[in-house]
N, C-alpha and C. Protein backbone atom coordinates (compact mmCIF):
# COMPACT_ATOMS: atom_id res chain seq x y z
N MET A 1 15.16 -11.88 -4.78
CA MET A 1 14.75 -11.34 -3.49
C MET A 1 15.59 -11.99 -2.40
N THR A 2 16.10 -11.21 -1.50
CA THR A 2 16.95 -11.74 -0.44
C THR A 2 16.10 -12.40 0.64
N ARG A 3 16.77 -13.20 1.47
CA ARG A 3 16.06 -13.84 2.58
C ARG A 3 15.47 -12.82 3.53
N VAL A 4 16.21 -11.73 3.77
CA VAL A 4 15.73 -10.69 4.67
C VAL A 4 14.46 -10.07 4.12
N SER A 5 14.45 -9.72 2.82
CA SER A 5 13.27 -9.13 2.20
C SER A 5 12.09 -10.08 2.25
N LEU A 6 12.35 -11.36 1.97
CA LEU A 6 11.29 -12.35 2.01
C LEU A 6 10.72 -12.48 3.42
N ALA A 7 11.59 -12.49 4.41
CA ALA A 7 11.12 -12.60 5.80
C ALA A 7 10.27 -11.40 6.17
N LEU A 8 10.67 -10.20 5.73
CA LEU A 8 9.89 -9.01 6.05
C LEU A 8 8.53 -9.05 5.37
N LEU A 9 8.47 -9.53 4.12
CA LEU A 9 7.19 -9.65 3.45
C LEU A 9 6.29 -10.65 4.16
N LEU A 10 6.86 -11.76 4.61
CA LEU A 10 6.07 -12.74 5.35
C LEU A 10 5.57 -12.17 6.66
N LEU A 11 6.42 -11.44 7.36
CA LEU A 11 5.99 -10.81 8.61
C LEU A 11 4.91 -9.77 8.36
N ALA A 12 5.07 -8.99 7.31
CA ALA A 12 4.07 -7.97 6.99
C ALA A 12 2.73 -8.61 6.67
N GLY A 13 2.77 -9.74 5.99
CA GLY A 13 1.54 -10.41 5.62
C GLY A 13 0.77 -10.94 6.81
N CYS A 14 1.43 -11.29 7.89
CA CYS A 14 0.74 -11.84 9.05
C CYS A 14 0.64 -10.83 10.18
N SER A 15 0.94 -9.58 9.91
CA SER A 15 1.00 -8.60 10.99
C SER A 15 -0.32 -8.39 11.70
N SER A 16 -1.43 -8.47 10.99
CA SER A 16 -2.70 -8.16 11.63
C SER A 16 -3.16 -9.28 12.56
N THR A 17 -2.44 -10.40 12.63
CA THR A 17 -2.85 -11.49 13.50
C THR A 17 -2.29 -11.36 14.91
N ILE A 18 -1.49 -10.36 15.19
CA ILE A 18 -0.93 -10.18 16.52
C ILE A 18 -1.91 -9.39 17.39
N ASP A 19 -2.05 -9.81 18.64
CA ASP A 19 -2.95 -9.12 19.55
C ASP A 19 -2.41 -7.73 19.88
N PRO A 20 -3.31 -6.77 20.16
CA PRO A 20 -2.86 -5.42 20.53
C PRO A 20 -1.98 -5.44 21.77
N ASN A 21 -1.00 -4.55 21.80
CA ASN A 21 -0.10 -4.35 22.94
C ASN A 21 0.65 -5.62 23.33
N THR A 22 1.17 -6.32 22.33
CA THR A 22 1.96 -7.53 22.57
C THR A 22 3.22 -7.51 21.71
N ALA A 23 4.15 -8.36 22.07
CA ALA A 23 5.37 -8.56 21.29
C ALA A 23 5.57 -10.06 21.11
N ARG A 24 5.90 -10.46 19.91
CA ARG A 24 6.14 -11.87 19.59
C ARG A 24 7.57 -11.98 19.07
N THR A 25 8.36 -12.86 19.67
CA THR A 25 9.77 -13.03 19.32
C THR A 25 10.01 -14.49 18.95
N LYS A 26 10.70 -14.71 17.83
CA LYS A 26 11.03 -16.10 17.46
C LYS A 26 12.36 -16.14 16.72
N TYR A 27 13.02 -17.29 16.86
CA TYR A 27 14.28 -17.53 16.17
C TYR A 27 13.97 -18.18 14.83
N ASP A 28 14.57 -17.68 13.75
CA ASP A 28 14.38 -18.25 12.43
C ASP A 28 15.66 -18.95 12.00
N THR A 29 15.60 -20.27 11.94
CA THR A 29 16.77 -21.07 11.59
C THR A 29 17.26 -20.77 10.18
N GLY A 30 16.33 -20.61 9.23
CA GLY A 30 16.69 -20.41 7.84
C GLY A 30 17.54 -19.18 7.59
N SER A 31 17.19 -18.08 8.24
CA SER A 31 17.94 -16.83 8.03
C SER A 31 18.90 -16.54 9.17
N ASN A 32 18.90 -17.40 10.21
CA ASN A 32 19.74 -17.22 11.39
C ASN A 32 19.56 -15.81 11.98
N THR A 33 18.29 -15.46 12.18
CA THR A 33 17.93 -14.17 12.76
C THR A 33 16.86 -14.36 13.82
N ILE A 34 16.68 -13.33 14.62
CA ILE A 34 15.55 -13.28 15.54
C ILE A 34 14.55 -12.32 14.92
N GLN A 35 13.31 -12.79 14.81
CA GLN A 35 12.25 -11.98 14.23
C GLN A 35 11.32 -11.53 15.35
N ILE A 36 11.04 -10.24 15.38
CA ILE A 36 10.18 -9.68 16.41
C ILE A 36 9.03 -8.96 15.73
N THR A 37 7.82 -9.17 16.22
CA THR A 37 6.65 -8.44 15.77
C THR A 37 6.03 -7.80 17.00
N VAL A 38 5.84 -6.48 16.95
CA VAL A 38 5.32 -5.73 18.10
C VAL A 38 4.07 -4.97 17.68
N SER A 39 3.03 -5.08 18.49
CA SER A 39 1.81 -4.28 18.31
C SER A 39 1.70 -3.38 19.53
N ASP A 40 1.71 -2.07 19.30
CA ASP A 40 1.70 -1.12 20.41
C ASP A 40 1.14 0.21 19.92
N THR A 41 0.79 1.09 20.86
CA THR A 41 0.29 2.41 20.48
C THR A 41 1.41 3.33 20.00
N GLN A 42 2.66 2.88 20.11
CA GLN A 42 3.83 3.60 19.60
C GLN A 42 4.62 2.65 18.71
N PRO A 43 5.33 3.17 17.70
CA PRO A 43 6.14 2.30 16.86
C PRO A 43 7.46 1.92 17.53
N VAL A 44 8.05 0.83 17.10
CA VAL A 44 9.39 0.45 17.54
C VAL A 44 10.38 1.40 16.87
N THR A 45 11.33 1.92 17.65
CA THR A 45 12.34 2.81 17.08
C THR A 45 13.70 2.13 16.97
N THR A 46 14.06 1.30 17.93
CA THR A 46 15.32 0.55 17.88
C THR A 46 15.13 -0.77 18.59
N ALA A 47 16.05 -1.69 18.32
CA ALA A 47 16.03 -2.99 18.99
C ALA A 47 17.43 -3.58 18.93
N ALA A 48 17.72 -4.47 19.89
CA ALA A 48 19.04 -5.11 19.92
C ALA A 48 18.95 -6.43 20.67
N LEU A 49 19.85 -7.31 20.31
CA LEU A 49 20.08 -8.54 21.06
C LEU A 49 21.28 -8.26 21.93
N VAL A 50 21.14 -8.49 23.25
CA VAL A 50 22.22 -8.18 24.19
C VAL A 50 22.78 -9.50 24.73
N GLY A 51 24.09 -9.66 24.57
CA GLY A 51 24.77 -10.88 25.00
C GLY A 51 25.08 -10.89 26.48
N PRO A 52 25.54 -12.03 26.98
CA PRO A 52 25.84 -12.18 28.41
C PRO A 52 26.95 -11.24 28.88
N ASP A 53 27.83 -10.83 27.97
CA ASP A 53 28.91 -9.91 28.34
C ASP A 53 28.55 -8.45 28.10
N GLY A 54 27.29 -8.19 27.72
CA GLY A 54 26.83 -6.82 27.48
C GLY A 54 26.97 -6.36 26.04
N THR A 55 27.55 -7.19 25.17
CA THR A 55 27.68 -6.84 23.75
C THR A 55 26.29 -6.72 23.14
N SER A 56 26.07 -5.62 22.41
CA SER A 56 24.77 -5.35 21.80
C SER A 56 24.86 -5.57 20.30
N TYR A 57 23.93 -6.35 19.76
CA TYR A 57 23.83 -6.62 18.33
C TYR A 57 22.58 -5.90 17.83
N GLY A 58 22.78 -4.74 17.19
CA GLY A 58 21.68 -3.90 16.76
C GLY A 58 20.86 -4.51 15.64
N ALA A 59 19.65 -4.01 15.49
CA ALA A 59 18.71 -4.51 14.49
C ALA A 59 19.22 -4.31 13.07
N MET A 60 18.99 -5.31 12.24
CA MET A 60 19.29 -5.21 10.81
C MET A 60 18.22 -4.35 10.13
N ASN A 61 16.99 -4.51 10.56
CA ASN A 61 15.85 -3.77 10.01
C ASN A 61 14.83 -3.51 11.10
N VAL A 62 14.25 -2.33 11.10
CA VAL A 62 13.08 -2.00 11.91
C VAL A 62 12.09 -1.38 10.95
N ASN A 63 10.93 -2.01 10.80
CA ASN A 63 9.92 -1.52 9.87
C ASN A 63 8.57 -1.39 10.56
N VAL A 64 7.87 -0.32 10.24
CA VAL A 64 6.48 -0.17 10.66
C VAL A 64 5.64 -0.65 9.49
N VAL A 65 4.92 -1.75 9.69
CA VAL A 65 4.15 -2.34 8.59
C VAL A 65 2.67 -1.98 8.64
N GLU A 66 2.22 -1.42 9.76
CA GLU A 66 0.83 -0.99 9.87
C GLU A 66 0.78 0.17 10.85
N THR A 67 -0.02 1.17 10.54
CA THR A 67 -0.17 2.34 11.40
C THR A 67 -1.62 2.42 11.87
N PRO A 68 -1.89 3.22 12.90
CA PRO A 68 -3.28 3.37 13.34
C PRO A 68 -4.15 3.82 12.16
N HIS A 69 -5.32 3.21 12.06
CA HIS A 69 -6.19 3.53 10.93
C HIS A 69 -7.63 3.11 11.22
N THR A 70 -8.51 3.57 10.36
CA THR A 70 -9.92 3.20 10.41
C THR A 70 -10.28 2.55 9.08
N VAL A 71 -10.94 1.40 9.13
CA VAL A 71 -11.45 0.73 7.93
C VAL A 71 -12.93 1.06 7.85
N TYR A 72 -13.33 1.61 6.72
CA TYR A 72 -14.72 2.01 6.55
C TYR A 72 -15.51 0.99 5.74
N GLN A 73 -16.78 0.86 6.09
CA GLN A 73 -17.70 0.00 5.38
C GLN A 73 -18.56 0.88 4.49
N ALA A 74 -18.71 0.49 3.24
CA ALA A 74 -19.52 1.28 2.31
C ALA A 74 -20.97 1.29 2.78
N PRO A 75 -21.67 2.40 2.54
CA PRO A 75 -23.07 2.47 2.95
C PRO A 75 -23.93 1.63 2.02
N PRO A 76 -25.13 1.25 2.49
CA PRO A 76 -26.05 0.55 1.58
C PRO A 76 -26.48 1.51 0.47
N SER A 77 -26.93 0.96 -0.64
CA SER A 77 -27.35 1.81 -1.74
C SER A 77 -28.62 1.26 -2.36
N VAL A 78 -29.28 2.09 -3.09
CA VAL A 78 -30.48 1.70 -3.81
C VAL A 78 -30.25 2.04 -5.28
N GLY A 79 -30.75 1.19 -6.15
CA GLY A 79 -30.53 1.41 -7.58
C GLY A 79 -31.85 1.42 -8.34
N LEU A 80 -31.83 2.10 -9.46
CA LEU A 80 -32.99 2.20 -10.34
C LEU A 80 -32.49 1.93 -11.75
N GLY A 81 -33.14 1.05 -12.45
CA GLY A 81 -32.70 0.74 -13.80
C GLY A 81 -33.86 0.73 -14.78
N ILE A 82 -33.57 1.07 -16.01
CA ILE A 82 -34.55 1.05 -17.08
C ILE A 82 -33.92 0.30 -18.23
N GLY A 83 -34.65 -0.61 -18.83
CA GLY A 83 -34.10 -1.37 -19.93
C GLY A 83 -35.11 -1.50 -21.05
N GLY A 84 -34.61 -1.79 -22.18
CA GLY A 84 -35.49 -1.98 -23.33
C GLY A 84 -34.91 -2.98 -24.30
N TRP A 85 -35.77 -3.53 -25.12
CA TRP A 85 -35.36 -4.54 -26.09
C TRP A 85 -35.99 -4.20 -27.41
N SER A 86 -35.17 -4.17 -28.45
CA SER A 86 -35.69 -3.88 -29.79
C SER A 86 -35.05 -4.84 -30.76
N GLY A 87 -35.79 -5.79 -31.25
CA GLY A 87 -35.24 -6.78 -32.17
C GLY A 87 -34.20 -7.63 -31.47
N ASN A 88 -32.98 -7.63 -32.01
CA ASN A 88 -31.88 -8.40 -31.43
C ASN A 88 -30.96 -7.54 -30.58
N VAL A 89 -31.34 -6.32 -30.27
CA VAL A 89 -30.49 -5.40 -29.54
C VAL A 89 -31.18 -5.00 -28.23
N GLY A 90 -30.44 -5.10 -27.13
CA GLY A 90 -30.96 -4.67 -25.84
C GLY A 90 -30.15 -3.49 -25.32
N SER A 91 -30.77 -2.65 -24.56
CA SER A 91 -30.06 -1.53 -23.96
C SER A 91 -30.65 -1.26 -22.60
N GLY A 92 -29.89 -0.56 -21.79
CA GLY A 92 -30.38 -0.25 -20.46
C GLY A 92 -29.58 0.87 -19.84
N ALA A 93 -30.13 1.46 -18.83
CA ALA A 93 -29.46 2.52 -18.08
C ALA A 93 -29.83 2.36 -16.63
N GLY A 94 -28.93 2.70 -15.75
CA GLY A 94 -29.21 2.57 -14.34
C GLY A 94 -28.45 3.59 -13.53
N ILE A 95 -28.92 3.81 -12.34
CA ILE A 95 -28.27 4.74 -11.44
C ILE A 95 -28.36 4.16 -10.03
N GLY A 96 -27.30 4.28 -9.28
CA GLY A 96 -27.28 3.81 -7.90
C GLY A 96 -26.98 4.97 -6.98
N LEU A 97 -27.67 5.03 -5.87
CA LEU A 97 -27.49 6.11 -4.92
C LEU A 97 -27.18 5.54 -3.54
N PRO A 98 -26.12 6.02 -2.91
CA PRO A 98 -25.82 5.55 -1.56
C PRO A 98 -26.83 6.12 -0.56
N LEU A 99 -27.10 5.32 0.46
CA LEU A 99 -27.99 5.77 1.54
C LEU A 99 -27.12 6.10 2.75
N GLY A 100 -26.79 7.35 2.91
CA GLY A 100 -25.93 7.76 4.01
C GLY A 100 -24.47 7.74 3.61
N GLY A 101 -23.60 7.81 4.60
CA GLY A 101 -22.16 7.82 4.36
C GLY A 101 -21.51 6.55 4.87
N PRO A 102 -20.23 6.40 4.62
CA PRO A 102 -19.53 5.22 5.12
C PRO A 102 -19.48 5.20 6.64
N THR A 103 -19.47 4.00 7.20
CA THR A 103 -19.40 3.85 8.66
C THR A 103 -18.14 3.07 9.02
N PRO A 104 -17.53 3.39 10.16
CA PRO A 104 -16.33 2.65 10.56
C PRO A 104 -16.64 1.18 10.83
N ALA A 105 -15.88 0.29 10.21
CA ALA A 105 -16.04 -1.14 10.44
C ALA A 105 -15.03 -1.63 11.46
N ARG A 106 -13.84 -1.01 11.49
CA ARG A 106 -12.80 -1.39 12.43
C ARG A 106 -11.89 -0.20 12.64
N VAL A 107 -11.57 0.07 13.90
CA VAL A 107 -10.68 1.17 14.25
C VAL A 107 -9.54 0.58 15.08
N THR A 108 -8.31 0.94 14.75
CA THR A 108 -7.18 0.47 15.52
C THR A 108 -6.26 1.64 15.87
N ASP A 109 -5.74 1.61 17.08
CA ASP A 109 -4.78 2.64 17.51
C ASP A 109 -3.36 2.07 17.55
N GLN A 110 -3.16 0.92 16.92
CA GLN A 110 -1.90 0.18 17.03
C GLN A 110 -0.96 0.42 15.84
N PHE A 111 0.33 0.48 16.17
CA PHE A 111 1.40 0.38 15.18
C PHE A 111 1.85 -1.07 15.21
N ILE A 112 2.02 -1.69 14.06
CA ILE A 112 2.60 -3.03 13.98
C ILE A 112 4.00 -2.83 13.41
N SER A 113 5.01 -3.21 14.19
CA SER A 113 6.40 -3.06 13.78
C SER A 113 7.04 -4.44 13.69
N THR A 114 7.95 -4.60 12.73
CA THR A 114 8.72 -5.83 12.62
C THR A 114 10.20 -5.50 12.72
N VAL A 115 10.95 -6.41 13.31
CA VAL A 115 12.37 -6.21 13.54
C VAL A 115 13.11 -7.50 13.21
N LEU A 116 14.28 -7.37 12.60
CA LEU A 116 15.17 -8.51 12.39
C LEU A 116 16.47 -8.24 13.13
N LEU A 117 16.85 -9.19 13.98
CA LEU A 117 18.10 -9.07 14.74
C LEU A 117 19.08 -10.15 14.28
N PRO A 118 20.34 -9.79 14.09
CA PRO A 118 21.34 -10.81 13.78
C PRO A 118 21.67 -11.60 15.05
N VAL A 119 22.12 -12.82 14.88
CA VAL A 119 22.55 -13.60 16.05
C VAL A 119 24.03 -13.96 15.90
N PRO A 120 24.79 -13.88 16.99
CA PRO A 120 26.21 -14.22 16.94
C PRO A 120 26.42 -15.73 16.85
N ALA A 121 27.65 -16.12 16.57
CA ALA A 121 27.99 -17.53 16.38
C ALA A 121 27.70 -18.40 17.60
N ASP A 122 27.82 -17.86 18.81
CA ASP A 122 27.62 -18.68 20.01
C ASP A 122 26.17 -18.68 20.50
N TYR A 123 25.26 -18.10 19.75
CA TYR A 123 23.87 -17.96 20.21
C TYR A 123 23.21 -19.31 20.52
N LYS A 124 23.34 -20.28 19.62
CA LYS A 124 22.66 -21.57 19.82
C LYS A 124 23.12 -22.26 21.11
N ALA A 125 24.38 -22.10 21.46
CA ALA A 125 24.91 -22.74 22.67
C ALA A 125 24.58 -21.95 23.93
N ASN A 126 24.44 -20.63 23.81
CA ASN A 126 24.28 -19.78 25.00
C ASN A 126 23.01 -18.94 25.00
N TRP A 127 22.01 -19.32 24.23
CA TRP A 127 20.82 -18.48 24.08
C TRP A 127 20.14 -18.09 25.40
N PRO A 128 20.13 -18.90 26.47
CA PRO A 128 19.45 -18.46 27.69
C PRO A 128 20.10 -17.22 28.33
N ALA A 129 21.37 -16.97 28.01
CA ALA A 129 22.07 -15.82 28.60
C ALA A 129 21.83 -14.52 27.81
N TYR A 130 21.17 -14.61 26.67
CA TYR A 130 20.88 -13.43 25.85
C TYR A 130 19.52 -12.86 26.19
N LYS A 131 19.34 -11.58 25.88
CA LYS A 131 18.03 -10.95 26.04
C LYS A 131 17.79 -10.02 24.85
N VAL A 132 16.53 -9.78 24.58
CA VAL A 132 16.11 -8.91 23.50
C VAL A 132 15.60 -7.61 24.11
N GLN A 133 16.12 -6.49 23.63
CA GLN A 133 15.66 -5.18 24.10
C GLN A 133 15.05 -4.42 22.93
N VAL A 134 13.85 -3.89 23.14
CA VAL A 134 13.12 -3.17 22.10
C VAL A 134 12.70 -1.82 22.67
N GLN A 135 12.97 -0.76 21.92
CA GLN A 135 12.54 0.58 22.30
C GLN A 135 11.24 0.87 21.58
N VAL A 136 10.16 1.07 22.35
CA VAL A 136 8.83 1.35 21.81
C VAL A 136 8.43 2.73 22.34
N GLY A 137 8.40 3.73 21.45
CA GLY A 137 8.14 5.08 21.92
C GLY A 137 9.21 5.48 22.92
N ASN A 138 8.79 5.89 24.12
CA ASN A 138 9.78 6.26 25.16
C ASN A 138 9.97 5.15 26.19
N ARG A 139 9.50 3.94 25.89
CA ARG A 139 9.62 2.80 26.81
C ARG A 139 10.59 1.76 26.25
N ALA A 140 11.37 1.17 27.14
CA ALA A 140 12.25 0.07 26.76
C ALA A 140 11.62 -1.23 27.26
N LEU A 141 11.48 -2.19 26.37
CA LEU A 141 10.94 -3.50 26.73
C LEU A 141 12.08 -4.52 26.65
N THR A 142 12.15 -5.41 27.62
CA THR A 142 13.17 -6.45 27.62
C THR A 142 12.47 -7.80 27.71
N GLN A 143 12.90 -8.73 26.84
CA GLN A 143 12.36 -10.08 26.82
C GLN A 143 13.50 -11.07 26.80
N ALA A 144 13.21 -12.28 27.25
CA ALA A 144 14.18 -13.37 27.12
C ALA A 144 14.36 -13.67 25.63
N ALA A 145 15.55 -14.05 25.26
CA ALA A 145 15.81 -14.41 23.87
C ALA A 145 15.11 -15.72 23.54
N PRO A 146 14.62 -15.87 22.31
CA PRO A 146 13.92 -17.09 21.95
C PRO A 146 14.86 -18.28 21.78
N LYS A 147 14.35 -19.45 22.08
CA LYS A 147 15.12 -20.69 21.96
C LYS A 147 15.30 -21.05 20.49
N PRO A 148 16.53 -21.33 20.08
CA PRO A 148 16.72 -21.79 18.69
C PRO A 148 16.15 -23.19 18.54
N GLU A 149 15.47 -23.42 17.44
CA GLU A 149 14.86 -24.75 17.21
C GLU A 149 15.31 -25.32 15.92
C-alpha cells in the first residue's frame, strides 16, 4: 500500500470527527503533502496549493469519503418463545416481531471530502507565502497554507 493510499484511509477513518461546514488543513511531514478535510453541503471538486509567484500545484487526489445520509435505529421488538425438554434433548422455537418501523438516529446533510496536495521543494522555507484554494460546489475557499512541523 502506498503512502498516499494509507493517508487517504486514515483520513477516511477520522472523517466523521470534523465539525459541519469546516475545513481542516495540515502539513504531513511523512508524505510531504498537505492534507485537507472539508465538511460542507457540497463536495470538493478541485483544490490547489498556490505559490507566491502564482504557480498552482493541483491536487493529487480529491475524494468524497462521506455523503449526506440518514442513520436509522432499529425499532424495539417483542419476542415469544416455546421450549421443551425430553430426556437429554432440548428444543425450542421463537418468533420476534418489530414494534413499528425504524426511526432516524442521525441525519447529516454534509459531504466529507479529503484532498492531498503536493508541496514544492521551497515550501518549508516559504510556507507563509503560499495559500490553499479549494473549490466547494460553486464557491472558492482560500486558506493560509499550514506550517510545516
